Amino acid sequence: MSTVAARLQFVLNELRLPTVKRLWATLADQSNKEGWMAERFLAAVMEHELAERDTRRLERHRIESQLLPGKLLSNFDFTAVPTVSKAHVTALTEGDGWIEQGANLLLFGPPGVGKSHLVCAIGNGLIDRGYRVYFTRTSDLVQRLQVARREMRLSAEIARLDRFDLLILDDLSYVRRDQAETSVLFELITERYERKSLALTANQPFSGWDQVFPDAAMTLAAVDRLVHHSTIFELNVESYRRRVAARSGLLKTKFVGILDPNDPVTSTSVPGDRNDVGEDATPLGNVGGARGDTAVPLRSTEASPRKKEQTKATSKAKPLLHSNATN
């Protein structure tokens, strides 16, 4: 290596131009053979540097985002969710002005219909276009903000989230005011209002959010800020996990036996469903845009027959035959 080449390696290290350092010798040989002008050689090496720098930046932002892996628009089944327009979602991934306006994105629907997949796909599309996105479960963020409040640094913690153009809060319905002082969540919503965008997924309509915030006034104020400048998607379809389970025969198990007529008969949960614990009991009510006028299909619960009035002291209840309905 010549003295000039050695000196160039040192300079490129100091300037933090790793791509130029790796490619300059190859491009210099090509330039000498083809008789490039100096400006063409310089433009070539710098374009390579810029392209790889963009690639590395996207990789850093995707890792930083903590988006669920593999959740892309290319593998989202829009045919299974006819209420969602693919063209509309694609426009959202372009930014389409809503990020700059600090507008919000709200996704409602029962468990397993693809809310998290869809919002992550939108997040990935935004990252490709240079925006910064952060995905978190709402309960995890509430705990993080609670710690910050106890340590007298809540404002600083919320300010740190400002570096993200879109903050995605998944599963808001699982936060309960009796489990956490969710007023910190209201403070986050207030601080980002009309400045930075929020995306939320929820199983419950707005009418059920009084279980999340400490009082009705705070619930109303939070909903008002979120709905103002927002896009709302309703994914009121059958759970993807249940459809897969039905096709594989997991829901065909039949139960035969004598049931106590006083006990309600409820459907069993799907094996492997994320929502096995507690979620099946969550009433969804109605979800309809900002007003809540479109019914969300609930998981059916068939009540057992009431015990008939005994006419004889020696009468006995007949055994009942019940089989789980397959989805």
Protein backbone atom coordinates (compact mmCIF):
# COMPACT_ATOMS: atom_id res chain seq x y z
CA MET A 1 0.00 0.00 0.00
CA SER A 2 1.34 3.38 -0.99
CA THR A 3 1.79 6.25 1.44
CA VAL A 4 -1.15 8.10 -0.14
CA ALA A 5 -3.41 5.03 0.16
CA ALA A 6 -2.44 4.53 3.79
CA ARG A 7 -3.11 8.18 4.54
CA LEU A 8 -6.49 7.94 2.79
CA GLN A 9 -7.48 4.96 4.94
CA PHE A 10 -6.73 6.99 8.08
CA VAL A 11 -8.69 10.02 6.82
CA LEU A 12 -11.73 7.92 5.92
CA ASN A 13 -11.68 6.36 9.40
CA GLU A 14 -11.63 9.80 10.99
CA LEU A 15 -14.48 11.01 8.79
CA ARG A 16 -16.47 7.85 9.52
CA LEU A 17 -16.98 6.88 5.90
CA PRO A 18 -16.79 3.07 6.07
CA THR A 19 -18.38 2.46 2.66
CA VAL A 20 -15.98 4.81 0.88
CA LYS A 21 -13.12 3.15 2.75
CA ARG A 22 -14.23 -0.26 1.53
CA LEU A 23 -14.99 0.65 -2.09
CA TRP A 24 -12.67 3.48 -3.08
CA ALA A 25 -9.83 1.25 -4.32
CA THR A 26 -12.15 -0.79 -6.58
CA LEU A 27 -13.86 2.29 -7.94
CA ALA A 28 -10.49 4.02 -8.42
CA ASP A 29 -9.26 1.11 -10.60
CA GLN A 30 -12.46 1.29 -12.65
CA SER A 31 -12.09 5.05 -12.94
CA ASN A 32 -8.50 4.75 -14.18
CA LYS A 33 -9.40 2.10 -16.76
CA GLU A 34 -12.45 3.95 -18.10
CA GLY A 35 -10.99 7.44 -17.87
CA TRP A 36 -13.58 8.92 -15.52
CA MET A 37 -13.49 12.59 -14.67
CA ALA A 38 -12.63 13.29 -11.03
CA GLU A 39 -16.14 14.50 -10.23
CA ARG A 40 -17.64 11.26 -11.57
CA PHE A 41 -15.38 9.18 -9.33
CA LEU A 42 -16.20 11.35 -6.30
CA ALA A 43 -19.94 11.17 -7.01
CA ALA A 44 -19.79 7.37 -7.35
CA VAL A 45 -18.08 6.73 -4.01
CA MET A 46 -20.29 9.22 -2.16
CA GLU A 47 -23.50 7.77 -3.62
CA HIS A 48 -22.47 4.33 -2.35
CA GLU A 49 -21.77 5.82 1.07
CA LEU A 50 -25.13 7.58 1.17
CA ALA A 51 -27.07 4.47 0.07
CA GLU A 52 -25.48 2.23 2.70
CA ARG A 53 -25.92 4.89 5.35
CA ASP A 54 -29.66 4.95 4.61
CA THR A 55 -29.78 1.15 4.81
CA ARG A 56 -28.04 1.14 8.19
CA ARG A 57 -30.34 3.88 9.48
CA LEU A 58 -33.44 1.89 8.49
CA GLU A 59 -32.06 -1.20 10.22
CA ARG A 60 -31.40 0.78 13.42
CA HIS A 61 -34.87 2.32 13.37
CA ARG A 62 -36.54 -1.04 12.74
CA ILE A 63 -34.70 -2.63 15.67
CA GLU A 64 -35.43 0.39 17.86
CA SER A 65 -39.14 0.26 16.97
CA GLN A 66 -39.68 -3.16 18.61
CA LEU A 67 -42.37 -3.92 16.04
CA LEU A 68 -43.57 -7.51 15.95
CA PRO A 69 -41.37 -9.40 13.46
CA GLY A 70 -42.78 -10.41 10.10
CA LYS A 71 -45.89 -8.21 10.32
CA LEU A 72 -46.01 -6.62 6.86
CA LEU A 73 -48.72 -5.49 4.47
CA SER A 74 -47.52 -8.13 2.00
CA ASN A 75 -48.65 -10.95 4.30
CA PHE A 76 -51.79 -9.33 5.74
CA ASP A 77 -54.96 -11.01 4.48
CA PHE A 78 -57.22 -8.12 3.48
CA THR A 79 -59.82 -10.55 2.10
CA ALA A 80 -60.47 -11.75 5.66
CA VAL A 81 -61.19 -8.19 6.82
CA PRO A 82 -63.48 -6.63 4.18
CA THR A 83 -64.12 -3.56 6.38
CA VAL A 84 -60.52 -2.42 5.89
CA SER A 85 -59.51 -0.83 2.59
CA LYS A 86 -56.09 -1.89 1.33
CA ALA A 87 -55.77 1.38 -0.59
CA HIS A 88 -56.48 3.38 2.55
CA VAL A 89 -53.93 1.43 4.59
CA THR A 90 -51.32 1.79 1.85
CA ALA A 91 -51.87 5.55 1.86
CA LEU A 92 -51.29 5.59 5.63
CA THR A 93 -47.92 3.87 5.19
CA GLU A 94 -46.88 6.74 2.92
CA GLY A 95 -47.36 9.21 5.75
CA ASP A 96 -49.97 11.00 3.65
CA GLY A 97 -49.74 14.15 5.81
CA TRP A 98 -51.32 12.60 8.91
CA ILE A 99 -48.01 12.06 10.71
CA GLU A 100 -47.00 15.71 10.27
CA GLN A 101 -50.39 16.76 11.64
CA GLY A 102 -50.05 14.58 14.73
CA ALA A 103 -53.20 12.63 13.79
CA ASN A 104 -54.05 9.32 15.42
CA LEU A 105 -54.90 5.78 14.33
CA LEU A 106 -57.40 3.66 16.29
CA LEU A 107 -58.09 -0.02 15.64
CA PHE A 108 -61.01 -1.84 17.30
CA GLY A 109 -62.11 -5.44 17.15
CA PRO A 110 -62.28 -8.71 19.06
CA PRO A 111 -59.11 -10.71 19.82
CA GLY A 112 -57.26 -12.44 17.02
CA VAL A 113 -58.56 -10.44 14.04
CA GLY A 114 -55.21 -8.87 13.05
CA LYS A 115 -55.19 -5.49 14.79
CA SER A 116 -51.58 -5.83 15.95
CA HIS A 117 -50.48 -7.20 12.57
CA LEU A 118 -52.10 -4.32 10.70
CA VAL A 119 -50.73 -1.57 12.93
CA CYS A 120 -47.22 -3.09 12.81
CA ALA A 121 -47.43 -3.31 9.02
CA ILE A 122 -48.27 0.39 8.89
CA GLY A 123 -45.37 1.08 11.25
CA ASN A 124 -42.94 -0.82 9.03
CA GLY A 125 -44.12 1.13 6.00
CA LEU A 126 -43.56 4.41 7.81
CA ILE A 127 -40.04 3.38 8.83
CA ASP A 128 -39.24 2.66 5.17
CA ARG A 129 -40.18 6.27 4.43
CA GLY A 130 -37.94 7.74 7.10
CA TYR A 131 -40.29 8.04 10.09
CA ARG A 132 -39.46 6.75 13.55
CA VAL A 133 -41.92 4.36 15.20
CA TYR A 134 -42.10 2.70 18.61
CA PHE A 135 -44.34 -0.27 19.50
CA THR A 136 -45.19 -1.30 23.06
CA ARG A 137 -47.89 -3.03 25.04
CA THR A 138 -49.91 -0.37 26.81
CA SER A 139 -49.55 -2.07 30.20
CA ASP A 140 -45.76 -2.11 29.85
CA LEU A 141 -45.64 1.59 29.04
CA VAL A 142 -47.97 2.46 31.92
CA GLN A 143 -45.64 0.66 34.34
CA ARG A 144 -42.65 2.49 32.86
CA LEU A 145 -44.37 5.86 33.25
CA GLN A 146 -45.42 5.01 36.80
CA VAL A 147 -41.80 4.36 37.75
CA ALA A 148 -40.84 7.67 36.17
CA ARG A 149 -43.53 9.46 38.18
CA ARG A 150 -42.32 7.96 41.45
CA GLU A 151 -38.80 9.08 40.58
CA MET A 152 -40.05 12.61 39.73
CA ARG A 153 -39.04 12.36 36.06
CA LEU A 154 -42.36 11.73 34.29
CA SER A 155 -42.11 14.83 32.10
CA ALA A 156 -38.63 13.85 30.98
CA GLU A 157 -39.75 10.29 30.18
CA ILE A 158 -42.69 11.52 28.09
CA ALA A 159 -40.38 13.98 26.33
CA ARG A 160 -38.06 11.09 25.39
CA LEU A 161 -40.95 9.50 23.48
CA ASP A 162 -41.25 12.65 21.37
CA ARG A 163 -38.44 11.42 19.15
CA PHE A 164 -40.90 8.88 17.73
CA ASP A 165 -43.24 10.14 15.02
CA LEU A 166 -45.70 7.32 15.79
CA LEU A 167 -46.13 5.69 19.19
CA ILE A 168 -48.10 2.41 18.99
CA LEU A 169 -49.93 1.31 22.15
CA ASP A 170 -51.13 -2.28 21.80
CA ASP A 171 -53.94 -3.87 23.84
CA LEU A 172 -55.17 -0.76 25.64
CA SER A 173 -58.22 -2.66 26.94
CA TYR A 174 -56.05 -4.83 29.22
CA VAL A 175 -54.98 -1.87 31.36
CA ARG A 176 -57.20 -1.53 34.42
CA ARG A 177 -57.42 1.41 36.75
CA ASP A 178 -57.48 -0.90 39.77
CA GLN A 179 -54.14 -2.36 38.64
CA ALA A 180 -52.33 0.85 37.81
CA GLU A 181 -52.62 4.59 38.18
CA THR A 182 -53.38 5.07 34.53
CA SER A 183 -53.57 8.84 34.85
CA VAL A 184 -50.00 8.70 33.48
CA LEU A 185 -51.50 7.36 30.25
CA PHE A 186 -53.81 10.37 30.08
CA GLU A 187 -50.84 12.69 30.56
CA LEU A 188 -49.08 10.99 27.64
CA ILE A 189 -52.14 11.40 25.41
CA THR A 190 -52.42 15.06 26.41
CA GLU A 191 -48.75 15.81 25.75
CA ARG A 192 -48.80 14.27 22.26
CA TYR A 193 -52.15 15.78 21.25
CA GLU A 194 -51.88 17.53 17.85
CA ARG A 195 -48.07 17.23 17.98
CA LYS A 196 -47.11 13.56 17.68
CA SER A 197 -49.19 10.66 16.43
CA LEU A 198 -50.55 7.77 18.49
CA ALA A 199 -51.86 4.41 17.29
CA LEU A 200 -53.96 2.30 19.65
CA THR A 201 -55.47 -1.17 19.42
CA ALA A 202 -58.34 -2.13 21.71
CA ASN A 203 -60.89 -4.90 22.17
CA GLN A 204 -63.37 -2.62 23.93
CA PRO A 205 -65.30 0.35 22.54
CA PHE A 206 -64.97 3.80 24.04
CA SER A 207 -67.86 3.04 26.40
CA GLY A 208 -65.67 0.46 28.14
CA TRP A 209 -62.74 2.78 28.70
CA ASP A 210 -64.01 3.91 32.09
CA GLN A 211 -62.30 0.75 33.32
CA VAL A 212 -58.96 2.16 32.15
CA PHE A 213 -58.97 5.73 33.42
CA PRO A 214 -59.59 6.77 37.03
CA ASP A 215 -62.78 8.77 36.43
CA ALA A 216 -65.39 9.48 33.78
CA ALA A 217 -64.19 13.03 33.11
CA MET A 218 -60.68 11.81 32.32
CA THR A 219 -62.08 9.06 30.07
CA LEU A 220 -64.14 11.59 28.12
CA ALA A 221 -61.17 13.95 27.77
CA ALA A 222 -58.87 11.15 26.58
CA VAL A 223 -61.38 9.91 23.98
CA ASP A 224 -61.99 13.47 22.78
CA ARG A 225 -58.27 14.05 22.14
CA LEU A 226 -57.78 10.70 20.43
CA VAL A 227 -60.80 10.94 18.13
CA HIS A 228 -60.10 14.51 17.04
CA HIS A 229 -57.89 14.07 13.91
CA SER A 230 -58.06 10.29 13.77
CA THR A 231 -58.56 7.34 11.45
CA ILE A 232 -60.63 4.51 12.93
CA PHE A 233 -60.63 0.92 11.68
CA GLU A 234 -63.14 -1.68 12.86
CA LEU A 235 -62.04 -5.28 12.34
CA ASN A 236 -65.29 -7.04 13.19
CA VAL A 237 -64.52 -10.50 11.85
CA GLU A 238 -63.87 -13.97 13.19
CA SER A 239 -60.60 -14.55 15.00
CA TYR A 240 -57.79 -15.75 12.72
CA ARG A 241 -56.63 -18.18 15.40
CA ARG A 242 -60.11 -19.65 15.63
CA ARG A 243 -60.33 -20.04 11.86
CA VAL A 244 -56.99 -21.88 11.83
CA ALA A 245 -58.06 -24.03 14.76
CA ALA A 246 -61.34 -24.90 13.06
CA ARG A 247 -59.55 -25.93 9.87
CA SER A 248 -57.14 -28.12 11.82
CA GLY A 249 -59.96 -29.78 13.76
CA LEU A 250 -59.04 -28.42 17.19
CA LEU A 251 -62.59 -27.21 17.80
CA LYS A 252 -64.29 -30.51 17.00
CA THR A 253 -63.95 -32.02 20.47
CA LYS A 254 -67.33 -33.07 21.85
CA PHE A 255 -68.32 -33.29 25.48
CA VAL A 256 -71.04 -35.70 26.60
CA GLY A 257 -72.24 -35.99 30.17
CA ILE A 258 -74.66 -34.96 32.85
CA LEU A 259 -74.62 -31.21 33.41
CA ASP A 260 -75.87 -29.35 36.41
CA PRO A 261 -78.85 -27.35 35.07
CA ASN A 262 -77.95 -24.50 37.42
CA ASP A 263 -74.50 -23.98 35.92
CA PRO A 264 -74.05 -21.95 32.72
CA VAL A 265 -72.53 -23.79 29.80
CA THR A 266 -69.74 -21.76 28.23
CA SER A 267 -67.60 -22.42 25.21
CA THR A 268 -64.03 -23.52 25.77
CA SER A 269 -61.11 -21.34 24.77
CA VAL A 270 -59.02 -22.08 21.72
CA PRO A 271 -55.82 -23.95 22.58
CA GLY A 272 -52.88 -21.61 22.20
CA ASP A 273 -55.03 -18.47 22.10
CA ARG A 274 -53.19 -15.52 23.67
CA ASN A 275 -56.44 -14.56 25.35
CA ASP A 276 -57.08 -17.78 27.29
CA VAL A 277 -56.82 -16.02 30.67
CA GLY A 278 -59.64 -13.63 31.35
CA GLU A 279 -60.12 -12.18 27.90
CA ASP A 280 -63.07 -14.33 26.90
CA ALA A 281 -65.01 -12.76 29.75
CA THR A 282 -64.38 -9.21 28.56
CA PRO A 283 -67.59 -7.68 27.17
CA LEU A 284 -66.94 -5.88 23.94
CA GLY A 285 -70.22 -4.00 23.59
CA ASN A 286 -70.56 -1.90 20.47
CA VAL A 287 -67.84 -0.25 18.46
CA GLY A 288 -68.81 2.24 15.84
CA GLY A 289 -66.29 4.86 14.72
CA ALA A 290 -66.24 7.64 17.28
CA ARG A 291 -69.83 7.00 18.39
CA GLY A 292 -70.08 3.28 18.90
CA ASP A 293 -73.05 2.34 16.74
CA THR A 294 -71.89 -0.80 14.93
CA ALA A 295 -72.21 -4.04 16.85
CA VAL A 296 -69.10 -6.10 17.46
CA PRO A 297 -69.81 -9.84 17.28
CA LEU A 298 -69.20 -11.45 20.65
CA ARG A 299 -68.11 -14.95 21.45
CA SER A 300 -71.33 -16.85 21.97
CA THR A 301 -72.28 -18.15 25.41
CA GLU A 302 -75.24 -20.52 25.52
CA ALA A 303 -77.02 -20.56 28.86
CA SER A 304 -77.97 -23.95 30.28
CA PRO A 305 -81.70 -24.64 30.68
CA ARG A 306 -83.20 -23.51 33.94
CA LYS A 307 -84.15 -26.17 36.37
CA LYS A 308 -87.80 -26.89 35.87
CA GLU A 309 -90.17 -26.63 38.76
CA GLN A 310 -90.26 -29.93 40.53
CA THR A 311 -93.63 -31.59 40.42
CA LYS A 312 -92.69 -34.68 42.30
CA ALA A 313 -90.21 -35.15 45.10
CA THR A 314 -88.77 -38.21 43.38
CA SER A 315 -88.24 -36.61 39.92
CA LYS A 316 -84.72 -36.47 38.47
CA ALA A 317 -83.13 -34.20 35.84
CA LYS A 318 -82.48 -35.99 32.59
CA PRO A 319 -78.88 -36.07 31.28
CA LEU A 320 -78.20 -33.36 28.71
CA LEU A 321 -76.12 -33.83 25.59
CA HIS A 322 -74.03 -30.85 24.58
CA SER A 323 -71.37 -30.50 21.92
CA ASN A 324 -69.12 -27.54 21.26
CA ALA A 325 -70.02 -25.74 18.05
CA THR A 326 -67.20 -25.66 15.62
CA ASN A 327 -66.15 -22.37 14.13
